Amino acid sequence: MESCTNRAQACPDCGWPESEIYQVVSRHPTSTGMVVYTRCACGRLQVRSLSLPGGPGTQR
């Protein structure tokens, strides 16, 4: 499994562009936004941490 902080531009196994999500496995809300588990075309699982507008650290 690969963390978002160590994210490359393409899958290290098959070269699939990381910007093109092949499959969303699951989404889970967190206190700072959302964690999204995605799967590459080759089957590699990735974890993406997304900050949502209006979350902690965002000024209005």
C-alpha atoms as a PDB file:
ATOM      1  CA  MET A   1       0.000   0.000   0.000  1.00  0.00           C
ATOM      2  CA  GLU A   2       1.319   3.445  -0.855  1.00  0.00           C
ATOM      3  CA  SER A   3       0.737   6.614   1.140  1.00  0.00           C
ATOM      4  CA  CYS A   4      -0.309   9.907  -0.461  1.00  0.00           C
ATOM      5  CA  THR A   5       2.760  11.586   1.002  1.00  0.00           C
ATOM      6  CA  ASN A   6       4.991   9.258  -1.060  1.00  0.00           C
ATOM      7  CA  ARG A   7       2.883   9.556  -4.193  1.00  0.00           C
ATOM      8  CA  ALA A   8       4.527   9.340  -7.599  1.00  0.00           C
ATOM      9  CA  GLN A   9       3.095  10.531 -10.923  1.00  0.00           C
ATOM     10  CA  ALA A  10       2.404   6.963 -12.056  1.00  0.00           C
ATOM     11  CA  CYS A  11       1.978   3.532 -10.523  1.00  0.00           C
ATOM     12  CA  PRO A  12       5.413   2.065  -9.770  1.00  0.00           C
ATOM     13  CA  ASP A  13       4.190  -1.390 -10.825  1.00  0.00           C
ATOM     14  CA  CYS A  14       2.454  -0.758 -14.161  1.00  0.00           C
ATOM     15  CA  GLY A  15       2.889   2.940 -15.007  1.00  0.00           C
ATOM     16  CA  TRP A  16      -0.863   3.779 -14.930  1.00  0.00           C
ATOM     17  CA  PRO A  17      -1.233   7.582 -14.468  1.00  0.00           C
ATOM     18  CA  GLU A  18      -2.119   8.319 -10.865  1.00  0.00           C
ATOM     19  CA  SER A  19      -4.413  11.150 -11.918  1.00  0.00           C
ATOM     20  CA  GLU A  20      -6.670   8.569 -13.636  1.00  0.00           C
ATOM     21  CA  ILE A  21      -8.317   6.634 -10.803  1.00  0.00           C
ATOM     22  CA  TYR A  22      -9.202   3.160 -12.063  1.00  0.00           C
ATOM     23  CA  GLN A  23     -11.488   2.114  -9.189  1.00  0.00           C
ATOM     24  CA  VAL A  24     -12.585   3.688  -5.897  1.00  0.00           C
ATOM     25  CA  VAL A  25     -12.662   0.919  -3.297  1.00  0.00           C
ATOM     26  CA  SER A  26     -14.025   2.979  -0.385  1.00  0.00           C
ATOM     27  CA  ARG A  27     -14.331   6.492   1.073  1.00  0.00           C
ATOM     28  CA  HIS A  28     -14.251   7.406   4.757  1.00  0.00           C
ATOM     29  CA  PRO A  29     -14.790  10.847   6.336  1.00  0.00           C
ATOM     30  CA  THR A  30     -12.147  12.015   8.788  1.00  0.00           C
ATOM     31  CA  SER A  31     -11.819  15.060  11.034  1.00  0.00           C
ATOM     32  CA  THR A  32      -9.669  16.776   8.374  1.00  0.00           C
ATOM     33  CA  GLY A  33     -11.448  15.685   5.204  1.00  0.00           C
ATOM     34  CA  MET A  34     -11.645  12.245   3.649  1.00  0.00           C
ATOM     35  CA  VAL A  35      -9.555   9.112   3.152  1.00  0.00           C
ATOM     36  CA  VAL A  36     -10.110   7.399  -0.204  1.00  0.00           C
ATOM     37  CA  TYR A  37      -8.865   3.896  -0.997  1.00  0.00           C
ATOM     38  CA  THR A  38      -8.335   3.418  -4.735  1.00  0.00           C
ATOM     39  CA  ARG A  39      -7.123   0.568  -6.912  1.00  0.00           C
ATOM     40  CA  CYS A  40      -4.847   0.888  -9.935  1.00  0.00           C
ATOM     41  CA  ALA A  41      -5.486  -1.021 -13.185  1.00  0.00           C
ATOM     42  CA  CYS A  42      -2.864  -3.571 -12.087  1.00  0.00           C
ATOM     43  CA  GLY A  43      -4.571  -4.095  -8.721  1.00  0.00           C
ATOM     44  CA  ARG A  44      -2.250  -2.038  -6.524  1.00  0.00           C
ATOM     45  CA  LEU A  45      -4.113  -0.429  -3.593  1.00  0.00           C
ATOM     46  CA  GLN A  46      -3.481   3.258  -2.815  1.00  0.00           C
ATOM     47  CA  VAL A  47      -4.611   5.465   0.072  1.00  0.00           C
ATOM     48  CA  ARG A  48      -5.383   9.102  -0.698  1.00  0.00           C
ATOM     49  CA  SER A  49      -5.950  11.735   1.981  1.00  0.00           C
ATOM     50  CA  LEU A  50      -8.123  14.615   0.785  1.00  0.00           C
ATOM     51  CA  SER A  51      -8.588  17.894   2.650  1.00  0.00           C
ATOM     52  CA  LEU A  52     -12.062  19.321   2.219  1.00  0.00           C
ATOM     53  CA  PRO A  53     -12.849  23.055   2.161  1.00  0.00           C
ATOM     54  CA  GLY A  54     -14.132  24.296   5.494  1.00  0.00           C
ATOM     55  CA  GLY A  55     -12.216  21.671   7.442  1.00  0.00           C
ATOM     56  CA  PRO A  56      -9.733  22.365  10.261  1.00  0.00           C
ATOM     57  CA  GLY A  57      -7.088  24.888   9.288  1.00  0.00           C
ATOM     58  CA  THR A  58      -9.332  26.621   6.749  1.00  0.00           C
ATOM     59  CA  GLN A  59     -10.224  30.231   7.434  1.00  0.00           C
ATOM     60  CA  ARG A  60     -13.611  31.581   6.426  1.00  0.00           C
END
